[in-house]
């Protein structure tokens, strides 16, 4: 199992709209092969900073299966209007 952590820097004033839009984005990503679960976390100290935790069966389920699919285009269309800067995504193994 792989954990993808994506850090989102959101435009000031769009925090609540992002939270609402994320519900639709969850429905999109959950259709992808290898998807396990997704969570959205908001930073306490910096209210425009969010982390998205997505669990995948394999790294390739994310980097190839999802990122190279129409689902990714739909995911980004839902979330990208809120981005102040491009997201940073990293992948982690459970030790």
PDB file of N, CA and C in Angstrom:
ATOM      1  N   UNK A   1       0.852  -1.179   0.000  1.00  0.00           N
ATOM      2  CA  UNK A   1       0.000   0.000   0.000  1.00  0.00           C
ATOM      3  C   UNK A   1       0.895   1.239   0.000  1.00  0.00           C
ATOM      4  N   UNK A   2       0.492   2.245  -0.756  1.00  0.00           N
ATOM      5  CA  UNK A   2       1.223   3.499  -0.904  1.00  0.00           C
ATOM      6  C   UNK A   2       0.344   4.648  -0.400  1.00  0.00           C
ATOM      7  N   UNK A   3       0.965   5.576   0.304  1.00  0.00           N
ATOM      8  CA  UNK A   3       0.270   6.791   0.721  1.00  0.00           C
ATOM      9  C   UNK A   3       0.786   7.948  -0.114  1.00  0.00           C
ATOM     10  N   UNK A   4      -0.112   8.584  -0.828  1.00  0.00           N
ATOM     11  CA  UNK A   4       0.206   9.824  -1.539  1.00  0.00           C
ATOM     12  C   UNK A   4      -0.217  10.976  -0.640  1.00  0.00           C
ATOM     13  N   UNK A   5       0.687  11.918  -0.414  1.00  0.00           N
ATOM     14  CA  UNK A   5       0.352  13.129   0.327  1.00  0.00           C
ATOM     15  C   UNK A   5       0.536  14.301  -0.627  1.00  0.00           C
ATOM     16  N   UNK A   6      -0.557  14.976  -0.913  1.00  0.00           N
ATOM     17  CA  UNK A   6      -0.523  16.152  -1.793  1.00  0.00           C
ATOM     18  C   UNK A   6      -0.782  17.378  -0.928  1.00  0.00           C
ATOM     19  N   UNK A   7       0.123  18.339  -1.008  1.00  0.00           N
ATOM     20  CA  UNK A   7      -0.036  19.585  -0.271  1.00  0.00           C
ATOM     21  C   UNK A   7      -0.617  20.630  -1.214  1.00  0.00           C
ATOM     22  N   UNK A   8      -1.735  21.204  -0.795  1.00  0.00           N
ATOM     23  CA  UNK A   8      -2.443  22.197  -1.598  1.00  0.00           C
ATOM     24  C   UNK A   8      -2.317  23.564  -0.948  1.00  0.00           C
ATOM     25  N   UNK A   9      -1.908  24.546  -1.714  1.00  0.00           N
ATOM     26  CA  UNK A   9      -1.859  25.946  -1.301  1.00  0.00           C
ATOM     27  C   UNK A   9      -3.043  26.622  -1.984  1.00  0.00           C
ATOM     28  N   UNK A  10      -4.044  26.981  -1.197  1.00  0.00           N
ATOM     29  CA  UNK A  10      -5.339  27.439  -1.706  1.00  0.00           C
ATOM     30  C   UNK A  10      -5.443  28.960  -1.633  1.00  0.00           C
ATOM     31  N   UNK A  11      -6.168  29.536  -2.565  1.00  0.00           N
ATOM     32  CA  UNK A  11      -6.404  30.983  -2.569  1.00  0.00           C
ATOM     33  C   UNK A  11      -7.166  31.393  -1.305  1.00  0.00           C
ATOM     34  N   UNK A  12      -6.726  32.488  -0.713  1.00  0.00           N
ATOM     35  CA  UNK A  12      -7.382  33.021   0.482  1.00  0.00           C
ATOM     36  C   UNK A  12      -8.870  33.256   0.192  1.00  0.00           C
ATOM     37  N   UNK A  13      -9.699  32.849   1.128  1.00  0.00           N
ATOM     38  CA  UNK A  13     -11.137  33.043   0.990  1.00  0.00           C
ATOM     39  C   UNK A  13     -11.862  31.906   0.288  1.00  0.00           C
ATOM     40  N   UNK A  14     -11.130  30.917  -0.207  1.00  0.00           N
ATOM     41  CA  UNK A  14     -11.786  29.819  -0.930  1.00  0.00           C
ATOM     42  C   UNK A  14     -11.778  28.506  -0.147  1.00  0.00           C
ATOM     43  N   UNK A  15     -11.445  28.577   1.130  1.00  0.00           N
ATOM     44  CA  UNK A  15     -11.339  27.364   1.932  1.00  0.00           C
ATOM     45  C   UNK A  15     -12.658  26.585   1.997  1.00  0.00           C
ATOM     46  N   UNK A  16     -13.736  27.254   2.273  1.00  0.00           N
ATOM     47  CA  UNK A  16     -15.023  26.560   2.396  1.00  0.00           C
ATOM     48  C   UNK A  16     -15.478  25.997   1.048  1.00  0.00           C
ATOM     49  N   UNK A  17     -15.252  26.744  -0.016  1.00  0.00           N
ATOM     50  CA  UNK A  17     -15.617  26.267  -1.352  1.00  0.00           C
ATOM     51  C   UNK A  17     -14.796  25.034  -1.722  1.00  0.00           C
ATOM     52  N   UNK A  18     -13.518  25.018  -1.353  1.00  0.00           N
ATOM     53  CA  UNK A  18     -12.690  23.841  -1.617  1.00  0.00           C
ATOM     54  C   UNK A  18     -13.241  22.628  -0.877  1.00  0.00           C
ATOM     55  N   UNK A  19     -13.595  22.801   0.375  1.00  0.00           N
ATOM     56  CA  UNK A  19     -14.133  21.690   1.167  1.00  0.00           C
ATOM     57  C   UNK A  19     -15.387  21.117   0.512  1.00  0.00           C
ATOM     58  N   UNK A  20     -16.237  21.971   0.007  1.00  0.00           N
ATOM     59  CA  UNK A  20     -17.449  21.505  -0.672  1.00  0.00           C
ATOM     60  C   UNK A  20     -17.113  20.799  -1.977  1.00  0.00           C
ATOM     61  N   UNK A  21     -16.214  21.379  -2.760  1.00  0.00           N
ATOM     62  CA  UNK A  21     -15.834  20.783  -4.039  1.00  0.00           C
ATOM     63  C   UNK A  21     -15.119  19.450  -3.844  1.00  0.00           C
ATOM     64  N   UNK A  22     -14.426  19.307  -2.729  1.00  0.00           N
ATOM     65  CA  UNK A  22     -13.691  18.072  -2.478  1.00  0.00           C
ATOM     66  C   UNK A  22     -14.622  16.866  -2.409  1.00  0.00           C
ATOM     67  N   UNK A  23     -15.852  17.079  -2.002  1.00  0.00           N
ATOM     68  CA  UNK A  23     -16.807  15.966  -1.960  1.00  0.00           C
ATOM     69  C   UNK A  23     -17.010  15.379  -3.354  1.00  0.00           C
ATOM     70  N   UNK A  24     -17.105  16.233  -4.369  1.00  0.00           N
ATOM     71  CA  UNK A  24     -17.232  15.764  -5.759  1.00  0.00           C
ATOM     72  C   UNK A  24     -15.936  15.124  -6.226  1.00  0.00           C
ATOM     73  N   UNK A  25     -14.802  15.706  -5.833  1.00  0.00           N
ATOM     74  CA  UNK A  25     -13.508  15.154  -6.234  1.00  0.00           C
ATOM     75  C   UNK A  25     -13.311  13.752  -5.657  1.00  0.00           C
ATOM     76  N   UNK A  26     -13.774  13.525  -4.433  1.00  0.00           N
ATOM     77  CA  UNK A  26     -13.676  12.192  -3.814  1.00  0.00           C
ATOM     78  C   UNK A  26     -14.406  11.146  -4.650  1.00  0.00           C
ATOM     79  N   UNK A  27     -15.562  11.512  -5.162  1.00  0.00           N
ATOM     80  CA  UNK A  27     -16.328  10.572  -5.987  1.00  0.00           C
ATOM     81  C   UNK A  27     -15.577  10.217  -7.267  1.00  0.00           C
ATOM     82  N   UNK A  28     -14.822  11.157  -7.795  1.00  0.00           N
ATOM     83  CA  UNK A  28     -14.056  10.928  -9.020  1.00  0.00           C
ATOM     84  C   UNK A  28     -12.887   9.988  -8.748  1.00  0.00           C
ATOM     85  N   UNK A  29     -12.039  10.329  -7.796  1.00  0.00           N
ATOM     86  CA  UNK A  29     -10.837   9.530  -7.541  1.00  0.00           C
ATOM     87  C   UNK A  29     -11.195   8.129  -7.066  1.00  0.00           C
ATOM     88  N   UNK A  30     -12.296   7.986  -6.368  1.00  0.00           N
ATOM     89  CA  UNK A  30     -12.682   6.672  -5.844  1.00  0.00           C
ATOM     90  C   UNK A  30     -13.014   5.668  -6.944  1.00  0.00           C
ATOM     91  N   UNK A  31     -13.199   6.138  -8.161  1.00  0.00           N
ATOM     92  CA  UNK A  31     -13.492   5.244  -9.290  1.00  0.00           C
ATOM     93  C   UNK A  31     -12.228   4.644  -9.902  1.00  0.00           C
ATOM     94  N   UNK A  32     -11.058   5.127  -9.486  1.00  0.00           N
ATOM     95  CA  UNK A  32      -9.801   4.704 -10.095  1.00  0.00           C
ATOM     96  C   UNK A  32      -9.355   3.346  -9.567  1.00  0.00           C
ATOM     97  N   UNK A  33      -8.792   2.539 -10.452  1.00  0.00           N
ATOM     98  CA  UNK A  33      -8.250   1.225 -10.073  1.00  0.00           C
ATOM     99  C   UNK A  33      -7.163   1.430  -9.022  1.00  0.00           C
ATOM    100  N   UNK A  34      -7.192   0.614  -7.994  1.00  0.00           N
ATOM    101  CA  UNK A  34      -6.173   0.667  -6.964  1.00  0.00           C
ATOM    102  C   UNK A  34      -6.418   1.681  -5.869  1.00  0.00           C
ATOM    103  N   UNK A  35      -7.464   2.485  -5.997  1.00  0.00           N
ATOM    104  CA  UNK A  35      -7.811   3.465  -4.963  1.00  0.00           C
ATOM    105  C   UNK A  35      -8.282   2.726  -3.716  1.00  0.00           C
ATOM    106  N   UNK A  36      -7.804   3.196  -2.548  1.00  0.00           N
ATOM    107  CA  UNK A  36      -8.252   2.611  -1.274  1.00  0.00           C
ATOM    108  C   UNK A  36      -9.083   3.613  -0.485  1.00  0.00           C
ATOM    109  N   UNK A  37      -8.503   4.806  -0.221  1.00  0.00           N
ATOM    110  CA  UNK A  37      -9.254   5.815   0.532  1.00  0.00           C
ATOM    111  C   UNK A  37      -8.607   7.184   0.353  1.00  0.00           C
ATOM    112  N   UNK A  38      -9.355   8.229   0.735  1.00  0.00           N
ATOM    113  CA  UNK A  38      -8.865   9.604   0.616  1.00  0.00           C
ATOM    114  C   UNK A  38      -9.372  10.419   1.797  1.00  0.00           C
ATOM    115  N   UNK A  39      -8.513  11.340   2.267  1.00  0.00           N
ATOM    116  CA  UNK A  39      -8.863  12.251   3.349  1.00  0.00           C
ATOM    117  C   UNK A  39      -8.349  13.640   3.010  1.00  0.00           C
ATOM    118  N   UNK A  40      -9.067  14.657   3.445  1.00  0.00           N
ATOM    119  CA  UNK A  40      -8.640  16.046   3.303  1.00  0.00           C
ATOM    120  C   UNK A  40      -8.402  16.607   4.698  1.00  0.00           C
ATOM    121  N   UNK A  41      -7.213  17.204   4.908  1.00  0.00           N
ATOM    122  CA  UNK A  41      -6.864  17.797   6.191  1.00  0.00           C
ATOM    123  C   UNK A  41      -6.509  19.260   5.978  1.00  0.00           C
ATOM    124  N   UNK A  42      -7.033  20.125   6.842  1.00  0.00           N
ATOM    125  CA  UNK A  42      -6.727  21.558   6.780  1.00  0.00           C
ATOM    126  C   UNK A  42      -5.741  21.899   7.886  1.00  0.00           C
ATOM    127  N   UNK A  43      -4.730  22.667   7.546  1.00  0.00           N
ATOM    128  CA  UNK A  43      -3.720  23.103   8.502  1.00  0.00           C
ATOM    129  C   UNK A  43      -4.347  24.075   9.512  1.00  0.00           C
ATOM    130  N   UNK A  44      -3.996  23.911  10.765  1.00  0.00           N
ATOM    131  CA  UNK A  44      -4.522  24.783  11.813  1.00  0.00           C
ATOM    132  C   UNK A  44      -3.833  26.144  11.771  1.00  0.00           C
ATOM    133  N   UNK A  45      -2.510  26.138  11.592  1.00  0.00           N
ATOM    134  CA  UNK A  45      -1.754  27.388  11.629  1.00  0.00           C
ATOM    135  C   UNK A  45      -1.906  28.230  10.366  1.00  0.00           C
ATOM    136  N   UNK A  46      -2.065  27.574   9.222  1.00  0.00           N
ATOM    137  CA  UNK A  46      -2.181  28.274   7.932  1.00  0.00           C
ATOM    138  C   UNK A  46      -3.460  27.754   7.263  1.00  0.00           C
ATOM    139  N   UNK A  47      -4.531  28.507   7.374  1.00  0.00           N
ATOM    140  CA  UNK A  47      -5.853  28.001   6.957  1.00  0.00           C
ATOM    141  C   UNK A  47      -5.980  27.764   5.452  1.00  0.00           C
ATOM    142  N   UNK A  48      -5.042  28.262   4.664  1.00  0.00           N
ATOM    143  CA  UNK A  48      -5.084  28.049   3.215  1.00  0.00           C
ATOM    144  C   UNK A  48      -4.244  26.840   2.782  1.00  0.00           C
ATOM    145  N   UNK A  49      -3.695  26.129   3.736  1.00  0.00           N
ATOM    146  CA  UNK A  49      -2.878  24.955   3.430  1.00  0.00           C
ATOM    147  C   UNK A  49      -3.662  23.687   3.775  1.00  0.00           C
ATOM    148  N   UNK A  50      -3.748  22.786   2.802  1.00  0.00           N
ATOM    149  CA  UNK A  50      -4.449  21.527   2.978  1.00  0.00           C
ATOM    150  C   UNK A  50      -3.537  20.384   2.561  1.00  0.00           C
ATOM    151  N   UNK A  51      -3.718  19.242   3.194  1.00  0.00           N
ATOM    152  CA  UNK A  51      -3.072  18.009   2.744  1.00  0.00           C
ATOM    153  C   UNK A  51      -4.156  17.025   2.352  1.00  0.00           C
ATOM    154  N   UNK A  52      -3.938  16.381   1.223  1.00  0.00           N
ATOM    155  CA  UNK A  52      -4.813  15.307   0.767  1.00  0.00           C
ATOM    156  C   UNK A  52      -4.033  14.013   0.944  1.00  0.00           C
ATOM    157  N   UNK A  53      -4.589  13.078   1.694  1.00  0.00           N
ATOM    158  CA  UNK A  53      -3.983  11.772   1.894  1.00  0.00           C
ATOM    159  C   UNK A  53      -4.778  10.779   1.061  1.00  0.00           C
ATOM    160  N   UNK A  54      -4.112  10.172   0.091  1.00  0.00           N
ATOM    161  CA  UNK A  54      -4.776   9.151  -0.734  1.00  0.00           C
ATOM    162  C   UNK A  54      -3.987   7.849  -0.626  1.00  0.00           C
ATOM    163  N   UNK A  55      -4.667   6.798  -0.265  1.00  0.00           N
ATOM    164  CA  UNK A  55      -4.053   5.476  -0.182  1.00  0.00           C
ATOM    165  C   UNK A  55      -4.337   4.719  -1.471  1.00  0.00           C
ATOM    166  N   UNK A  56      -3.259   4.161  -2.035  1.00  0.00           N
ATOM    167  CA  UNK A  56      -3.318   3.400  -3.276  1.00  0.00           C
ATOM    168  C   UNK A  56      -2.759   1.999  -3.039  1.00  0.00           C
ATOM    169  N   UNK A  57      -3.230   1.041  -3.816  1.00  0.00           N
ATOM    170  CA  UNK A  57      -2.678  -0.315  -3.729  1.00  0.00           C
ATOM    171  C   UNK A  57      -1.221  -0.328  -4.174  1.00  0.00           C
ATOM    172  N   UNK A  58      -0.899   0.374  -5.283  1.00  0.00           N
ATOM    173  CA  UNK A  58       0.473   0.438  -5.784  1.00  0.00           C
ATOM    174  C   UNK A  58       0.785   1.867  -6.222  1.00  0.00           C
ATOM    175  N   UNK A  59       2.069   2.168  -6.345  1.00  0.00           N
ATOM    176  CA  UNK A  59       2.488   3.480  -6.846  1.00  0.00           C
ATOM    177  C   UNK A  59       1.966   3.701  -8.262  1.00  0.00           C
ATOM    178  N   UNK A  60       2.028   2.660  -9.089  1.00  0.00           N
ATOM    179  CA  UNK A  60       1.589   2.771 -10.480  1.00  0.00           C
ATOM    180  C   UNK A  60       0.089   3.013 -10.600  1.00  0.00           C
ATOM    181  N   UNK A  61      -0.684   2.551  -9.616  1.00  0.00           N
ATOM    182  CA  UNK A  61      -2.123   2.851  -9.639  1.00  0.00           C
ATOM    183  C   UNK A  61      -2.351   4.356  -9.626  1.00  0.00           C
ATOM    184  N   UNK A  62      -1.471   5.084  -8.941  1.00  0.00           N
ATOM    185  CA  UNK A  62      -1.586   6.539  -8.939  1.00  0.00           C
ATOM    186  C   UNK A  62      -0.894   7.164 -10.138  1.00  0.00           C
ATOM    187  N   UNK A  63       0.416   6.868 -10.294  1.00  0.00           N
ATOM    188  CA  UNK A  63       1.229   7.584 -11.276  1.00  0.00           C
ATOM    189  C   UNK A  63       0.873   7.271 -12.720  1.00  0.00           C
ATOM    190  N   UNK A  64       0.376   6.088 -12.967  1.00  0.00           N
ATOM    191  CA  UNK A  64      -0.001   5.710 -14.336  1.00  0.00           C
ATOM    192  C   UNK A  64      -1.519   5.588 -14.461  1.00  0.00           C
ATOM    193  N   UNK A  65      -2.096   4.698 -13.643  1.00  0.00           N
ATOM    194  CA  UNK A  65      -3.527   4.428 -13.753  1.00  0.00           C
ATOM    195  C   UNK A  65      -4.408   5.643 -13.586  1.00  0.00           C
ATOM    196  N   UNK A  66      -4.159   6.431 -12.550  1.00  0.00           N
ATOM    197  CA  UNK A  66      -4.991   7.605 -12.302  1.00  0.00           C
ATOM    198  C   UNK A  66      -4.488   8.829 -13.049  1.00  0.00           C
ATOM    199  N   UNK A  67      -3.204   9.144 -12.922  1.00  0.00           N
ATOM    200  CA  UNK A  67      -2.670  10.387 -13.498  1.00  0.00           C
ATOM    201  C   UNK A  67      -2.773  10.434 -15.015  1.00  0.00           C
ATOM    202  N   UNK A  68      -2.830   9.279 -15.665  1.00  0.00           N
ATOM    203  CA  UNK A  68      -2.915   9.250 -17.124  1.00  0.00           C
ATOM    204  C   UNK A  68      -4.329   8.909 -17.609  1.00  0.00           C
ATOM    205  N   UNK A  69      -5.311   9.127 -16.744  1.00  0.00           N
ATOM    206  CA  UNK A  69      -6.688   8.782 -17.103  1.00  0.00           C
ATOM    207  C   UNK A  69      -7.567  10.024 -17.192  1.00  0.00           C
ATOM    208  N   UNK A  70      -8.724   9.883 -17.817  1.00  0.00           N
ATOM    209  CA  UNK A  70      -9.698  10.985 -17.835  1.00  0.00           C
ATOM    210  C   UNK A  70     -10.177  11.363 -16.428  1.00  0.00           C
ATOM    211  N   UNK A  71     -10.119  10.426 -15.491  1.00  0.00           N
ATOM    212  CA  UNK A  71     -10.518  10.738 -14.116  1.00  0.00           C
ATOM    213  C   UNK A  71      -9.632  11.827 -13.515  1.00  0.00           C
ATOM    214  N   UNK A  72      -8.340  11.804 -13.830  1.00  0.00           N
ATOM    215  CA  UNK A  72      -7.427  12.827 -13.319  1.00  0.00           C
ATOM    216  C   UNK A  72      -7.788  14.200 -13.883  1.00  0.00           C
ATOM    217  N   UNK A  73      -8.138  14.245 -15.141  1.00  0.00           N
ATOM    218  CA  UNK A  73      -8.546  15.516 -15.762  1.00  0.00           C
ATOM    219  C   UNK A  73      -9.785  16.062 -15.053  1.00  0.00           C
ATOM    220  N   UNK A  74     -10.721  15.185 -14.742  1.00  0.00           N
ATOM    221  CA  UNK A  74     -11.942  15.589 -14.035  1.00  0.00           C
ATOM    222  C   UNK A  74     -11.606  16.050 -12.612  1.00  0.00           C
ATOM    223  N   UNK A  75     -10.745  15.320 -11.927  1.00  0.00           N
ATOM    224  CA  UNK A  75     -10.294  15.659 -10.572  1.00  0.00           C
ATOM    225  C   UNK A  75      -9.684  17.055 -10.533  1.00  0.00           C
ATOM    226  N   UNK A  76      -8.761  17.303 -11.462  1.00  0.00           N
ATOM    227  CA  UNK A  76      -8.090  18.608 -11.517  1.00  0.00           C
ATOM    228  C   UNK A  76      -9.061  19.727 -11.887  1.00  0.00           C
ATOM    229  N   UNK A  77     -10.015  19.454 -12.749  1.00  0.00           N
ATOM    230  CA  UNK A  77     -11.000  20.480 -13.133  1.00  0.00           C
ATOM    231  C   UNK A  77     -11.827  20.914 -11.922  1.00  0.00           C
ATOM    232  N   UNK A  78     -12.090  19.990 -11.024  1.00  0.00           N
ATOM    233  CA  UNK A  78     -12.866  20.311  -9.827  1.00  0.00           C
ATOM    234  C   UNK A  78     -12.038  21.132  -8.841  1.00  0.00           C
ATOM    235  N   UNK A  79     -10.774  20.752  -8.646  1.00  0.00           N
ATOM    236  CA  UNK A  79      -9.964  21.351  -7.584  1.00  0.00           C
ATOM    237  C   UNK A  79      -9.074  22.515  -8.006  1.00  0.00           C
ATOM    238  N   UNK A  80      -8.603  22.521  -9.235  1.00  0.00           N
ATOM    239  CA  UNK A  80      -7.600  23.519  -9.632  1.00  0.00           C
ATOM    240  C   UNK A  80      -8.067  24.974  -9.560  1.00  0.00           C
ATOM    241  N   UNK A  81      -9.348  25.294  -9.690  1.00  0.00           N
ATOM    242  CA  UNK A  81      -9.727  26.710  -9.546  1.00  0.00           C
ATOM    243  C   UNK A  81      -9.376  27.305  -8.179  1.00  0.00           C
ATOM    244  N   UNK A  82      -9.131  26.463  -7.190  1.00  0.00           N
ATOM    245  CA  UNK A  82      -8.844  26.938  -5.839  1.00  0.00           C
ATOM    246  C   UNK A  82      -7.344  27.074  -5.559  1.00  0.00           C
ATOM    247  N   UNK A  83      -6.499  26.548  -6.449  1.00  0.00           N
ATOM    248  CA  UNK A  83      -5.058  26.518  -6.199  1.00  0.00           C
ATOM    249  C   UNK A  83      -4.418  27.901  -6.316  1.00  0.00           C
ATOM    250  N   UNK A  84      -3.651  28.265  -5.308  1.00  0.00           N
ATOM    251  CA  UNK A  84      -2.808  29.457  -5.378  1.00  0.00           C
ATOM    252  C   UNK A  84      -1.521  29.105  -6.135  1.00  0.00           C
ATOM    253  N   UNK A  85      -1.012  27.902  -5.878  1.00  0.00           N
ATOM    254  CA  UNK A  85       0.192  27.372  -6.519  1.00  0.00           C
ATOM    255  C   UNK A  85      -0.066  25.909  -6.872  1.00  0.00           C
ATOM    256  N   UNK A  86       0.709  25.345  -7.787  1.00  0.00           N
ATOM    257  CA  UNK A  86       0.525  23.927  -8.116  1.00  0.00           C
ATOM    258  C   UNK A  86       0.748  23.048  -6.882  1.00  0.00           C
ATOM    259  N   UNK A  87      -0.027  21.979  -6.740  1.00  0.00           N
ATOM    260  CA  UNK A  87       0.153  21.068  -5.604  1.00  0.00           C
ATOM    261  C   UNK A  87       1.505  20.352  -5.677  1.00  0.00           C
ATOM    262  N   UNK A  88       1.963  19.939  -4.521  1.00  0.00           N
ATOM    263  CA  UNK A  88       3.168  19.112  -4.425  1.00  0.00           C
ATOM    264  C   UNK A  88       2.724  17.749  -3.893  1.00  0.00           C
ATOM    265  N   UNK A  89       3.020  16.681  -4.651  1.00  0.00           N
ATOM    266  CA  UNK A  89       2.629  15.340  -4.256  1.00  0.00           C
ATOM    267  C   UNK A  89       3.861  14.481  -4.020  1.00  0.00           C
ATOM    268  N   UNK A  90       3.834  13.710  -2.933  1.00  0.00           N
ATOM    269  CA  UNK A  90       4.891  12.771  -2.608  1.00  0.00           C
ATOM    270  C   UNK A  90       4.254  11.453  -2.200  1.00  0.00           C
ATOM    271  N   UNK A  91       5.039  10.380  -2.334  1.00  0.00           N
ATOM    272  CA  UNK A  91       4.531   9.040  -2.049  1.00  0.00           C
ATOM    273  C   UNK A  91       5.337   8.401  -0.929  1.00  0.00           C
ATOM    274  N   UNK A  92       4.652   7.646  -0.068  1.00  0.00           N
ATOM    275  CA  UNK A  92       5.280   7.066   1.115  1.00  0.00           C
ATOM    276  C   UNK A  92       4.898   5.602   1.267  1.00  0.00           C
ATOM    277  N   UNK A  93       5.857   4.821   1.761  1.00  0.00           N
ATOM    278  CA  UNK A  93       5.622   3.425   2.146  1.00  0.00           C
ATOM    279  C   UNK A  93       5.420   3.358   3.646  1.00  0.00           C
ATOM    280  N   UNK A  94       4.551   2.480   4.093  1.00  0.00           N
ATOM    281  CA  UNK A  94       4.361   2.229   5.517  1.00  0.00           C
ATOM    282  C   UNK A  94       5.510   1.343   5.990  1.00  0.00           C
ATOM    283  N   UNK A  95       6.146   1.733   7.066  1.00  0.00           N
ATOM    284  CA  UNK A  95       7.279   0.973   7.617  1.00  0.00           C
ATOM    285  C   UNK A  95       6.811   0.198   8.844  1.00  0.00           C
TER     286      UNK A  95
END
